[in-house]
Amino acid sequence: MSAPDRRPVTIDLDAELHRSLCEAAESEGMDVPSYCRSVIERDLGKATEARVSGGKPFDIDGLLAFRDELLGDRVFPGNSVDLIREAREERTKQLDEWR
């Protein structure tokens, strides 16, 4: 069986990004080149799906991670539905005043 047809790609990374890349690869139990290939294949797959579907890729895991990073364990009081309703009512009052 012959080796897969591969093309080398070289990129320059700053020290911090390189360290993060190495840590991520290690946490997945992979070497850096294998980890890079898996991430590229995954993300290109999402981008290809988005182009075919006419939209942008939807990354729920990324959104949840961002939410956790941003908010942590904080829980906001009240019901978000009520907050949205109040904001809409306020906006409607402002629009009525401008007319």
C-alpha atoms as a PDB file:
ATOM      1  CA  MET A   1       0.000   0.000   0.000  1.00  0.00           C
ATOM      2  CA  SER A   2       1.442   3.368  -0.961  1.00  0.00           C
ATOM      3  CA  ALA A   3       1.679   6.379   1.339  1.00  0.00           C
ATOM      4  CA  PRO A   4      -1.132   8.915   1.043  1.00  0.00           C
ATOM      5  CA  ASP A   5      -0.520  11.844  -1.272  1.00  0.00           C
ATOM      6  CA  ARG A   6       0.358  14.660   1.144  1.00  0.00           C
ATOM      7  CA  ARG A   7       1.594  18.204   0.732  1.00  0.00           C
ATOM      8  CA  PRO A   8       3.603  19.947   3.462  1.00  0.00           C
ATOM      9  CA  VAL A   9       2.270  23.148   4.997  1.00  0.00           C
ATOM     10  CA  THR A  10       4.432  25.443   7.086  1.00  0.00           C
ATOM     11  CA  ILE A  11       3.025  28.120   9.363  1.00  0.00           C
ATOM     12  CA  ASP A  12       4.663  30.475  11.842  1.00  0.00           C
ATOM     13  CA  LEU A  13       3.107  30.599  15.309  1.00  0.00           C
ATOM     14  CA  ASP A  14       3.952  32.798  18.241  1.00  0.00           C
ATOM     15  CA  ALA A  15       5.269  30.999  21.333  1.00  0.00           C
ATOM     16  CA  GLU A  16       1.969  31.184  23.229  1.00  0.00           C
ATOM     17  CA  LEU A  17      -0.068  29.706  20.372  1.00  0.00           C
ATOM     18  CA  HIS A  18       2.534  26.998  19.786  1.00  0.00           C
ATOM     19  CA  ARG A  19       2.431  26.057  23.473  1.00  0.00           C
ATOM     20  CA  SER A  20      -1.377  25.902  23.371  1.00  0.00           C
ATOM     21  CA  LEU A  21      -1.236  23.741  20.259  1.00  0.00           C
ATOM     22  CA  CYS A  22       1.181  21.295  21.884  1.00  0.00           C
ATOM     23  CA  GLU A  23      -0.951  21.134  25.040  1.00  0.00           C
ATOM     24  CA  ALA A  24      -4.133  20.537  23.054  1.00  0.00           C
ATOM     25  CA  ALA A  25      -2.496  17.764  21.039  1.00  0.00           C
ATOM     26  CA  GLU A  26      -1.173  16.134  24.190  1.00  0.00           C
ATOM     27  CA  SER A  27      -4.558  16.330  25.911  1.00  0.00           C
ATOM     28  CA  GLU A  28      -6.039  14.448  22.940  1.00  0.00           C
ATOM     29  CA  GLY A  29      -3.238  11.872  23.044  1.00  0.00           C
ATOM     30  CA  MET A  30      -1.989  12.902  19.616  1.00  0.00           C
ATOM     31  CA  ASP A  31       1.200  14.261  18.149  1.00  0.00           C
ATOM     32  CA  VAL A  32       1.023  17.840  16.860  1.00  0.00           C
ATOM     33  CA  PRO A  33       0.836  17.026  13.115  1.00  0.00           C
ATOM     34  CA  SER A  34      -1.970  14.497  13.660  1.00  0.00           C
ATOM     35  CA  TYR A  35      -3.840  16.911  15.893  1.00  0.00           C
ATOM     36  CA  CYS A  36      -3.506  19.718  13.327  1.00  0.00           C
ATOM     37  CA  ARG A  37      -4.825  17.441  10.569  1.00  0.00           C
ATOM     38  CA  SER A  38      -7.817  16.399  12.685  1.00  0.00           C
ATOM     39  CA  VAL A  39      -8.703  20.012  13.550  1.00  0.00           C
ATOM     40  CA  ILE A  40      -8.314  21.156   9.956  1.00  0.00           C
ATOM     41  CA  GLU A  41     -10.386  18.250   8.626  1.00  0.00           C
ATOM     42  CA  ARG A  42     -13.122  18.898  11.217  1.00  0.00           C
ATOM     43  CA  ASP A  43     -13.293  22.637  10.571  1.00  0.00           C
ATOM     44  CA  LEU A  44     -13.074  22.320   6.797  1.00  0.00           C
ATOM     45  CA  GLY A  45     -15.898  19.794   6.967  1.00  0.00           C
ATOM     46  CA  LYS A  46     -18.047  22.329   8.828  1.00  0.00           C
ATOM     47  CA  ALA A  47     -17.137  25.068   6.350  1.00  0.00           C
ATOM     48  CA  THR A  48     -17.965  22.788   3.414  1.00  0.00           C
ATOM     49  CA  GLU A  49     -21.338  21.895   4.958  1.00  0.00           C
ATOM     50  CA  ALA A  50     -22.047  25.585   5.442  1.00  0.00           C
ATOM     51  CA  ARG A  51     -21.202  26.417   1.834  1.00  0.00           C
ATOM     52  CA  VAL A  52     -23.435  23.612   0.598  1.00  0.00           C
ATOM     53  CA  SER A  53     -26.297  24.657   2.887  1.00  0.00           C
ATOM     54  CA  GLY A  54     -25.783  28.355   2.149  1.00  0.00           C
ATOM     55  CA  GLY A  55     -25.172  29.297   5.785  1.00  0.00           C
ATOM     56  CA  LYS A  56     -22.387  29.607   8.275  1.00  0.00           C
ATOM     57  CA  PRO A  57     -21.265  26.649  10.370  1.00  0.00           C
ATOM     58  CA  PHE A  58     -23.047  26.415  13.709  1.00  0.00           C
ATOM     59  CA  ASP A  59     -20.684  25.381  16.466  1.00  0.00           C
ATOM     60  CA  ILE A  60     -22.801  24.660  19.545  1.00  0.00           C
ATOM     61  CA  ASP A  61     -19.815  23.306  21.475  1.00  0.00           C
ATOM     62  CA  GLY A  62     -17.900  26.489  20.785  1.00  0.00           C
ATOM     63  CA  LEU A  63     -20.849  28.624  21.858  1.00  0.00           C
ATOM     64  CA  LEU A  64     -21.285  26.662  25.085  1.00  0.00           C
ATOM     65  CA  ALA A  65     -17.567  26.913  25.851  1.00  0.00           C
ATOM     66  CA  PHE A  66     -17.680  30.673  25.220  1.00  0.00           C
ATOM     67  CA  ARG A  67     -20.700  31.020  27.503  1.00  0.00           C
ATOM     68  CA  ASP A  68     -18.948  29.077  30.268  1.00  0.00           C
ATOM     69  CA  GLU A  69     -15.789  31.138  29.848  1.00  0.00           C
ATOM     70  CA  LEU A  70     -17.737  34.381  29.882  1.00  0.00           C
ATOM     71  CA  LEU A  71     -20.240  33.654  32.647  1.00  0.00           C
ATOM     72  CA  GLY A  72     -18.691  30.821  34.639  1.00  0.00           C
ATOM     73  CA  ASP A  73     -21.126  29.585  37.272  1.00  0.00           C
ATOM     74  CA  ARG A  74     -22.989  32.877  37.549  1.00  0.00           C
ATOM     75  CA  VAL A  75     -26.741  32.644  37.344  1.00  0.00           C
ATOM     76  CA  PHE A  76     -28.686  35.787  36.648  1.00  0.00           C
ATOM     77  CA  PRO A  77     -31.864  36.470  38.596  1.00  0.00           C
ATOM     78  CA  GLY A  78     -35.190  36.570  36.860  1.00  0.00           C
ATOM     79  CA  ASN A  79     -36.544  35.020  33.748  1.00  0.00           C
ATOM     80  CA  SER A  80     -34.880  35.875  30.439  1.00  0.00           C
ATOM     81  CA  VAL A  81     -38.270  35.797  28.712  1.00  0.00           C
ATOM     82  CA  ASP A  82     -39.486  38.535  31.024  1.00  0.00           C
ATOM     83  CA  LEU A  83     -36.330  40.589  30.407  1.00  0.00           C
ATOM     84  CA  ILE A  84     -36.781  40.298  26.635  1.00  0.00           C
ATOM     85  CA  ARG A  85     -40.456  41.229  26.894  1.00  0.00           C
ATOM     86  CA  GLU A  86     -39.616  44.284  29.010  1.00  0.00           C
ATOM     87  CA  ALA A  87     -36.917  45.392  26.558  1.00  0.00           C
ATOM     88  CA  ARG A  88     -39.341  45.043  23.643  1.00  0.00           C
ATOM     89  CA  GLU A  89     -41.992  47.056  25.461  1.00  0.00           C
ATOM     90  CA  GLU A  90     -39.433  49.785  26.200  1.00  0.00           C
ATOM     91  CA  ARG A  91     -38.330  49.833  22.565  1.00  0.00           C
ATOM     92  CA  THR A  92     -41.930  50.037  21.369  1.00  0.00           C
ATOM     93  CA  LYS A  93     -42.562  53.021  23.695  1.00  0.00           C
ATOM     94  CA  GLN A  94     -39.466  54.781  22.339  1.00  0.00           C
ATOM     95  CA  LEU A  95     -40.526  54.154  18.744  1.00  0.00           C
ATOM     96  CA  ASP A  96     -44.034  55.479  19.486  1.00  0.00           C
ATOM     97  CA  GLU A  97     -42.525  58.653  20.975  1.00  0.00           C
ATOM     98  CA  TRP A  98     -40.415  59.244  17.868  1.00  0.00           C
ATOM     99  CA  ARG A  99     -43.360  58.982  15.508  1.00  0.00           C
END
